[in-house]
Structures are given as structure tokens and as C-alpha cells.
């Protein structure tokens, strides 16, 4: 009797559409994997080199199948194999910091592999085309490369949808952490004090957006949708941090080259990276992070558990220390 039940369960499991997630251990990938698995509607396969890491083993325990393939150029055959049998793919290109410049080429290889494997729908994590919008005035290749991958995907014989993530709350923990001066935390911000910018927690917001799109592919085919948790200024973020943690904190500008290098002298060795961070920030301030016609409310309407900055601070209990994810 029990073997009959387990056979039935295996058949039911097999009937669920398979979604393959590229970069499954990144913030967006983990969020998508957890949400899709918890929905009970999908099987999940994840591509990662770190198949034996604690996060990977935890995903495997939850039922995810893991495939060890480097996210790099020259592995198209492996990507095709990894995508085989997948109804959909959630596609991300990894953080490729200057001076490396192969993000566009990698994105094209991944998209071509999805088509070759017979995948029916790609969701790609894209961003705005800064080069086009600013007519070449601002340098933000990690935006523009993603936009060009999106443009390429739109030419392929495959259905596709796109999410555009806001600035990450986690950036403040990982890349721009505050510095303790006396008893006060000094927050070096790459944005002006009172500039309202879109921010989001990728660890909780990505998955619900991906699940929503896969649950209604006809409605979302061809759409590009922002994922936002809060529209908030650096000063408001610091005021909220003070209110939640009880710690002393102040804003400090890292919006110009000199200010950026004063706070982060280690960036001096990577001129391209500094240019990209400043280019991205200037673009956001002068042109708006998202194009004017984007639906800025969509992600918060489809996910009523979207967390704002205050909830993020309460959930993580972050006190200003540098953290790595």
C-alpha cells in the first residue's frame, strides 16, 4: 500500500512543470527557488558550482535538483543539458564587475541554450538600457548589458518576461557598510541625502514576482516589471535605522569620485568599477532609476508580504556590521 502511495506521489511530482534557475545560490536565485518549492506547484532545478555548500544541501533537502555547471563562457552544451525538460527558466547573469566585460556574451549563450533545449518561457532579471536612455552620457554597463541581453531574448522564438530589481537593501551591509566614528555610525551613500530611490530586499521579493509570472504566463508574456520594496531616501533610511536600532548614525556622501574614494580607498585600484558605481548613481538621480512608463506598484500589489526598509531592519536585526551573503 505504502509503495503504491509513494509511486502516486512520484507521478504527481513528475507532472509538475520543471523550472530551472540559473545562479540558484545568488540572492535572487535562492528567493525564486524557495518560493517555487513552497508553492508546491513546481519542481525546481538549480545551476550552481557550489553543489556541496550548506545552502545547496538545504535546497536539495527541500526537493531541488542541483546541477554543477560554471556560470561562464564556453559551457553552452552544459547549459542546454541543464535546461532539458524544463518548462521555464529563471535566468540571471552573475555579478560581473569591471574590468570583466563578458556579461552580454554569457547572457546570449544562456538564452540560446534555453531555446535549443526546448524551454517554453524565460524570465530574465534585466535592467534599463542606461547607454540608450542617456545617449551614452552615463556609464553603467551592468545595467546596459542586461538590457541588451533582454533585447536579444526578445528576438528569439521563445516566450519571455523580465523583472527589474530595485537597488538592494543588502548593498548597505555587503558593499557600502557604515563606519564607526566614535560612537556614531557614518553611512557612506552613493546617492544624495534626500533623493528618493527604489530599494528592495532581493531575498524575499524576487521569488513572489517570479512565481506570479510563471503562474500567469499569457498575461505577463513580453512584459518588463519592476520589483520594489520601498521608495526611500538615504536620510530616511538612516532615520529609520536610528529609530529601529537605537544607534547613532549620520549620512555621509559618496556621490562624487573624491567622496567615494575617501570612504572606499580600496576602489582606487579599479577605476572602471568607480566609474560604473558613479555612473549608475548619476543615472538614477538625473534620469530616474526606472523608465517613466514602468509600473512601480505591480510587485507590491501582487505580493502583500513585500517588506519595506523598516521591516527589513526588524527582520534581519542588522546593527550596522559588514555582512556577506
Protein backbone atom coordinates (compact mmCIF):
# COMPACT_ATOMS: atom_id res chain seq x y z
CA UNK A 1 0.00 0.00 0.00
CA UNK A 2 2.71 2.48 1.02
CA UNK A 3 4.77 1.80 -2.13
CA UNK A 4 1.61 2.43 -4.20
CA UNK A 5 1.14 5.78 -2.44
CA UNK A 6 4.77 6.78 -2.94
CA UNK A 7 4.52 5.82 -6.64
CA UNK A 8 1.44 8.04 -6.95
CA UNK A 9 3.29 10.85 -5.19
CA UNK A 10 6.25 10.44 -7.58
CA UNK A 11 3.92 10.58 -10.60
CA UNK A 12 2.19 13.69 -9.25
CA UNK A 13 5.58 15.27 -8.60
CA UNK A 14 6.64 14.44 -12.17
CA UNK A 15 3.51 16.15 -13.55
CA UNK A 16 4.57 19.48 -12.06
CA UNK A 17 6.31 21.84 -14.50
CA UNK A 18 10.07 21.99 -14.02
CA UNK A 19 11.65 25.43 -13.59
CA UNK A 20 15.43 25.70 -13.87
CA UNK A 21 17.10 28.57 -12.03
CA UNK A 22 20.47 29.86 -13.20
CA UNK A 23 22.65 31.01 -10.30
CA UNK A 24 20.37 29.36 -7.76
CA UNK A 25 22.54 30.31 -4.76
CA UNK A 26 22.52 34.05 -5.51
CA UNK A 27 20.05 36.25 -3.63
CA UNK A 28 17.52 36.27 -6.47
CA UNK A 29 18.02 32.59 -7.27
CA UNK A 30 17.56 31.43 -3.68
CA UNK A 31 14.44 33.54 -3.31
CA UNK A 32 12.94 32.10 -6.51
CA UNK A 33 13.85 28.51 -5.55
CA UNK A 34 12.32 28.77 -2.06
CA UNK A 35 9.12 30.41 -3.29
CA UNK A 36 8.57 28.00 -6.19
CA UNK A 37 9.21 24.95 -3.97
CA UNK A 38 6.98 26.27 -1.18
CA UNK A 39 4.14 26.89 -3.66
CA UNK A 40 4.00 23.12 -4.26
CA UNK A 41 3.24 23.78 -7.94
CA UNK A 42 6.69 23.37 -9.48
CA UNK A 43 9.76 21.18 -9.49
CA UNK A 44 12.98 23.15 -9.25
CA UNK A 45 16.39 22.51 -10.77
CA UNK A 46 19.24 24.83 -9.83
CA UNK A 47 22.50 25.55 -11.62
CA UNK A 48 25.45 26.33 -9.34
CA UNK A 49 29.08 25.42 -8.96
CA UNK A 50 28.69 25.13 -5.17
CA UNK A 51 26.55 21.97 -5.06
CA UNK A 52 28.05 20.88 -1.72
CA UNK A 53 27.59 24.19 0.12
CA UNK A 54 25.18 24.32 3.12
CA UNK A 55 22.68 26.45 1.11
CA UNK A 56 22.75 23.95 -1.77
CA UNK A 57 22.28 20.96 0.55
CA UNK A 58 19.36 22.74 2.22
CA UNK A 59 17.72 23.29 -1.18
CA UNK A 60 18.28 19.64 -2.11
CA UNK A 61 16.55 18.62 1.15
CA UNK A 62 13.57 20.75 0.09
CA UNK A 63 13.39 18.81 -3.18
CA UNK A 64 15.50 20.87 -5.58
CA UNK A 65 17.70 19.07 -8.08
CA UNK A 66 21.16 20.67 -8.41
CA UNK A 67 23.39 20.72 -11.46
CA UNK A 68 27.06 21.66 -11.16
CA UNK A 69 27.95 23.90 -14.11
CA UNK A 70 30.16 27.02 -14.05
CA UNK A 71 28.31 30.21 -15.00
CA UNK A 72 30.90 31.15 -17.56
CA UNK A 73 31.56 31.35 -21.28
CA UNK A 74 32.22 28.14 -23.16
CA UNK A 75 29.66 25.94 -21.38
CA UNK A 76 26.73 26.24 -23.79
CA UNK A 77 26.42 22.44 -24.24
CA UNK A 78 26.25 22.05 -20.45
CA UNK A 79 23.57 24.78 -20.26
CA UNK A 80 21.50 23.01 -22.93
CA UNK A 81 21.76 19.76 -20.97
CA UNK A 82 20.86 21.52 -17.70
CA UNK A 83 17.78 23.15 -19.29
CA UNK A 84 16.48 19.94 -20.92
CA UNK A 85 12.95 19.05 -19.81
CA UNK A 86 12.37 22.50 -18.27
CA UNK A 87 9.04 24.22 -18.82
CA UNK A 88 10.60 27.53 -17.77
CA UNK A 89 13.95 29.06 -16.89
CA UNK A 90 14.67 31.91 -14.47
CA UNK A 91 17.78 33.44 -15.92
CA UNK A 92 20.29 35.73 -14.27
CA UNK A 93 23.76 36.76 -15.28
CA UNK A 94 26.13 36.78 -12.29
CA UNK A 95 27.64 39.99 -10.92
CA UNK A 96 30.41 40.63 -13.41
CA UNK A 97 32.37 43.63 -12.15
CA UNK A 98 34.64 45.69 -14.39
CA UNK A 99 37.19 45.21 -15.82
CA UNK A 100 35.49 41.93 -16.84
CA UNK A 101 33.03 42.56 -19.67
CA UNK A 102 31.57 39.22 -20.73
CA UNK A 103 28.06 39.57 -19.24
CA UNK A 104 26.33 40.21 -22.59
CA UNK A 105 28.03 37.26 -24.28
CA UNK A 106 27.18 34.95 -21.37
CA UNK A 107 23.55 36.06 -21.37
CA UNK A 108 23.29 35.32 -25.10
CA UNK A 109 24.78 31.84 -24.61
CA UNK A 110 22.32 31.06 -21.81
CA UNK A 111 19.32 32.29 -23.82
CA UNK A 112 20.39 30.33 -26.92
CA UNK A 113 20.79 27.21 -24.76
CA UNK A 114 17.24 27.63 -23.41
CA UNK A 115 15.87 27.79 -26.96
CA UNK A 116 17.93 24.78 -28.03
CA UNK A 117 16.70 22.78 -25.01
CA UNK A 118 13.06 23.44 -25.97
CA UNK A 119 12.24 25.63 -22.93
CA UNK A 120 8.85 27.34 -23.31
CA UNK A 121 9.35 30.52 -21.27
CA UNK A 122 12.31 32.56 -20.00
CA UNK A 123 12.09 35.04 -17.14
CA UNK A 124 15.23 37.18 -17.22
CA UNK A 125 16.39 39.55 -14.48
CA UNK A 126 17.07 42.67 -16.55
CA UNK A 127 17.60 46.42 -16.05
CA UNK A 128 17.18 49.65 -18.03
CA UNK A 129 19.42 50.47 -21.00
CA UNK A 130 21.44 53.34 -19.47
CA UNK A 131 23.50 53.82 -22.62
CA UNK A 132 20.38 54.32 -24.76
CA UNK A 133 18.43 56.40 -22.22
CA UNK A 134 21.35 58.78 -21.54
CA UNK A 135 22.61 58.74 -25.17
CA UNK A 136 25.97 57.45 -23.94
CA UNK A 137 26.41 60.13 -21.25
CA UNK A 138 26.37 57.71 -18.30
CA UNK A 139 28.49 54.58 -17.88
CA UNK A 140 26.64 51.69 -16.20
CA UNK A 141 27.46 48.51 -18.15
CA UNK A 142 25.86 46.14 -15.64
CA UNK A 143 22.55 47.88 -16.46
CA UNK A 144 23.11 48.22 -20.21
CA UNK A 145 24.46 44.67 -20.69
CA UNK A 146 21.34 43.23 -19.05
CA UNK A 147 19.14 45.46 -21.23
CA UNK A 148 20.95 44.24 -24.35
CA UNK A 149 20.52 40.61 -23.27
CA UNK A 150 16.80 41.36 -22.87
CA UNK A 151 16.68 42.89 -26.37
CA UNK A 152 18.36 39.75 -27.72
CA UNK A 153 15.95 37.40 -25.88
CA UNK A 154 13.01 39.32 -27.39
CA UNK A 155 14.24 38.36 -30.89
CA UNK A 156 14.25 34.60 -30.10
CA UNK A 157 11.49 32.08 -30.87
CA UNK A 158 10.60 31.71 -27.17
CA UNK A 159 8.13 33.43 -24.83
CA UNK A 160 9.80 35.73 -22.30
CA UNK A 161 9.16 38.09 -19.38
CA UNK A 162 11.50 40.37 -17.45
CA UNK A 163 11.87 41.59 -13.88
CA UNK A 164 13.83 44.73 -12.99
CA UNK A 165 15.14 44.71 -9.43
CA UNK A 166 15.49 47.99 -7.50
CA UNK A 167 18.66 48.86 -5.50
CA UNK A 168 19.20 46.14 -2.87
CA UNK A 169 18.82 46.92 0.84
CA UNK A 170 21.61 44.34 1.30
CA UNK A 171 24.09 46.59 -0.60
CA UNK A 172 24.43 48.61 2.61
CA UNK A 173 25.50 45.51 4.51
CA UNK A 174 27.78 43.99 1.89
CA UNK A 175 29.38 46.71 -0.22
CA UNK A 176 28.82 50.09 1.46
CA UNK A 177 28.68 49.33 5.19
CA UNK A 178 28.74 52.19 7.70
CA UNK A 179 31.96 53.02 9.51
CA UNK A 180 32.10 53.60 13.28
CA UNK A 181 33.45 57.08 14.10
CA UNK A 182 33.47 57.43 17.90
CA UNK A 183 30.03 56.15 18.92
CA UNK A 184 28.35 57.14 15.63
CA UNK A 185 27.89 55.05 12.51
CA UNK A 186 28.73 57.03 9.38
CA UNK A 187 26.78 55.73 6.36
CA UNK A 188 28.63 56.34 3.08
CA UNK A 189 25.89 56.67 0.47
CA UNK A 190 26.33 56.63 -3.31
CA UNK A 191 23.11 58.70 -3.58
CA UNK A 192 22.32 62.29 -2.47
CA UNK A 193 20.85 62.66 1.02
CA UNK A 194 17.24 63.44 0.04
CA UNK A 195 16.97 61.57 -3.27
CA UNK A 196 14.01 59.16 -3.25
CA UNK A 197 15.21 55.89 -4.75
CA UNK A 198 13.63 52.45 -5.23
CA UNK A 199 15.04 49.80 -2.88
CA UNK A 200 14.13 46.15 -2.35
CA UNK A 201 15.08 43.01 -0.41
CA UNK A 202 16.07 40.51 -3.14
CA UNK A 203 15.92 37.60 -0.66
CA UNK A 204 12.16 37.97 -0.07
CA UNK A 205 10.86 39.90 -3.11
CA UNK A 206 12.30 38.05 -6.11
CA UNK A 207 10.54 34.72 -5.58
CA UNK A 208 6.96 36.04 -5.34
CA UNK A 209 7.48 38.08 -8.54
CA UNK A 210 8.83 35.01 -10.40
CA UNK A 211 6.01 32.80 -9.07
CA UNK A 212 3.38 35.35 -10.12
CA UNK A 213 4.75 35.47 -13.68
CA UNK A 214 5.06 31.68 -14.06
CA UNK A 215 1.51 31.33 -12.69
CA UNK A 216 0.06 33.52 -15.47
CA UNK A 217 2.41 33.34 -18.46
CA UNK A 218 -0.13 34.60 -21.02
CA UNK A 219 -0.74 37.76 -19.01
CA UNK A 220 2.96 38.50 -18.47
CA UNK A 221 4.47 37.41 -21.77
CA UNK A 222 6.63 40.22 -23.16
CA UNK A 223 6.24 42.36 -20.02
CA UNK A 224 9.06 44.03 -18.07
CA UNK A 225 8.14 44.53 -14.41
CA UNK A 226 9.97 46.42 -11.63
CA UNK A 227 10.35 44.75 -8.23
CA UNK A 228 10.36 47.35 -5.44
CA UNK A 229 10.04 47.27 -1.65
CA UNK A 230 10.26 50.96 -0.80
CA UNK A 231 10.75 54.39 -2.37
CA UNK A 232 13.05 55.95 0.22
CA UNK A 233 15.89 58.46 0.54
CA UNK A 234 19.26 57.79 2.22
CA UNK A 235 18.36 60.22 5.03
CA UNK A 236 15.03 58.42 5.61
CA UNK A 237 16.91 55.09 5.65
CA UNK A 238 19.27 56.43 8.34
CA UNK A 239 16.41 57.96 10.38
CA UNK A 240 14.63 54.59 10.28
CA UNK A 241 17.85 52.77 11.21
CA UNK A 242 18.22 55.05 14.27
CA UNK A 243 14.58 54.50 15.27
CA UNK A 244 14.81 50.69 14.94
CA UNK A 245 18.29 50.07 16.42
CA UNK A 246 18.65 52.98 18.85
CA UNK A 247 22.16 53.58 17.50
CA UNK A 248 23.63 56.94 16.50
CA UNK A 249 24.06 57.28 12.73
CA UNK A 250 24.73 60.00 10.16
CA UNK A 251 24.69 60.32 6.37
CA UNK A 252 27.97 60.85 4.54
CA UNK A 253 28.07 61.43 0.80
CA UNK A 254 29.90 59.05 -1.53
CA UNK A 255 28.21 60.55 -4.59
CA UNK A 256 31.33 62.11 -6.15
CA UNK A 257 34.59 60.39 -7.16
CA UNK A 258 36.60 62.06 -4.36
CA UNK A 259 33.98 61.22 -1.71
CA UNK A 260 33.71 57.62 -2.97
CA UNK A 261 37.50 57.11 -2.79
CA UNK A 262 37.69 58.79 0.61
CA UNK A 263 35.23 56.20 2.00
CA UNK A 264 36.46 53.26 -0.08
CA UNK A 265 40.21 53.74 -0.76
CA UNK A 266 40.40 50.08 -1.87
CA UNK A 267 38.44 51.06 -5.04
CA UNK A 268 41.42 53.18 -6.18
CA UNK A 269 42.85 50.15 -7.99
CA UNK A 270 39.72 49.67 -10.08
CA UNK A 271 38.97 52.86 -11.99
CA UNK A 272 36.32 51.14 -14.14
CA UNK A 273 34.39 49.98 -11.07
CA UNK A 274 34.39 53.52 -9.59
CA UNK A 275 33.18 54.91 -12.93
CA UNK A 276 30.41 52.33 -13.04
CA UNK A 277 29.15 52.96 -9.47
CA UNK A 278 29.17 56.73 -10.04
CA UNK A 279 27.62 56.35 -13.49
CA UNK A 280 24.81 54.21 -12.09
CA UNK A 281 24.12 56.68 -9.24
CA UNK A 282 24.20 59.75 -11.53
CA UNK A 283 21.91 57.97 -13.98
CA UNK A 284 19.40 57.16 -11.22
CA UNK A 285 19.40 60.76 -9.95
CA UNK A 286 19.30 62.54 -13.33
CA UNK A 287 17.06 60.18 -15.34
CA UNK A 288 15.23 58.08 -12.74
CA UNK A 289 16.19 54.50 -11.93
CA UNK A 290 13.19 53.14 -13.85
CA UNK A 291 11.78 54.45 -17.11
CA UNK A 292 8.75 56.72 -16.59
CA UNK A 293 6.28 54.22 -18.11
CA UNK A 294 7.12 51.35 -15.72
CA UNK A 295 4.51 50.06 -13.26
CA UNK A 296 6.16 50.87 -9.92
CA UNK A 297 3.31 49.41 -7.85
CA UNK A 298 2.97 45.99 -9.52
CA UNK A 299 5.31 43.94 -7.28
CA UNK A 300 3.78 45.35 -4.08
CA UNK A 301 0.25 44.68 -5.36
CA UNK A 302 0.90 41.03 -6.29
CA UNK A 303 2.94 40.36 -3.11
CA UNK A 304 1.26 41.71 0.01
CA UNK A 305 4.23 40.42 2.05
CA UNK A 306 6.64 42.87 0.37
CA UNK A 307 8.83 44.33 3.10
CA UNK A 308 9.87 47.95 3.38
CA UNK A 309 13.19 49.14 4.84
CA UNK A 310 11.87 49.28 8.43
CA UNK A 311 10.54 45.70 8.24
CA UNK A 312 13.83 44.59 6.67
CA UNK A 313 15.79 46.06 9.61
CA UNK A 314 13.44 44.43 12.14
CA UNK A 315 13.56 41.04 10.36
CA UNK A 316 17.36 40.95 9.97
CA UNK A 317 18.15 42.74 13.27
CA UNK A 318 21.04 44.38 11.45
CA UNK A 319 23.09 46.72 13.65
CA UNK A 320 25.41 48.22 11.02
CA UNK A 321 28.08 45.48 10.81
CA UNK A 322 29.50 44.34 7.45
CA UNK A 323 27.80 41.13 6.30
CA UNK A 324 28.33 38.83 3.33
CA UNK A 325 25.61 36.71 1.76
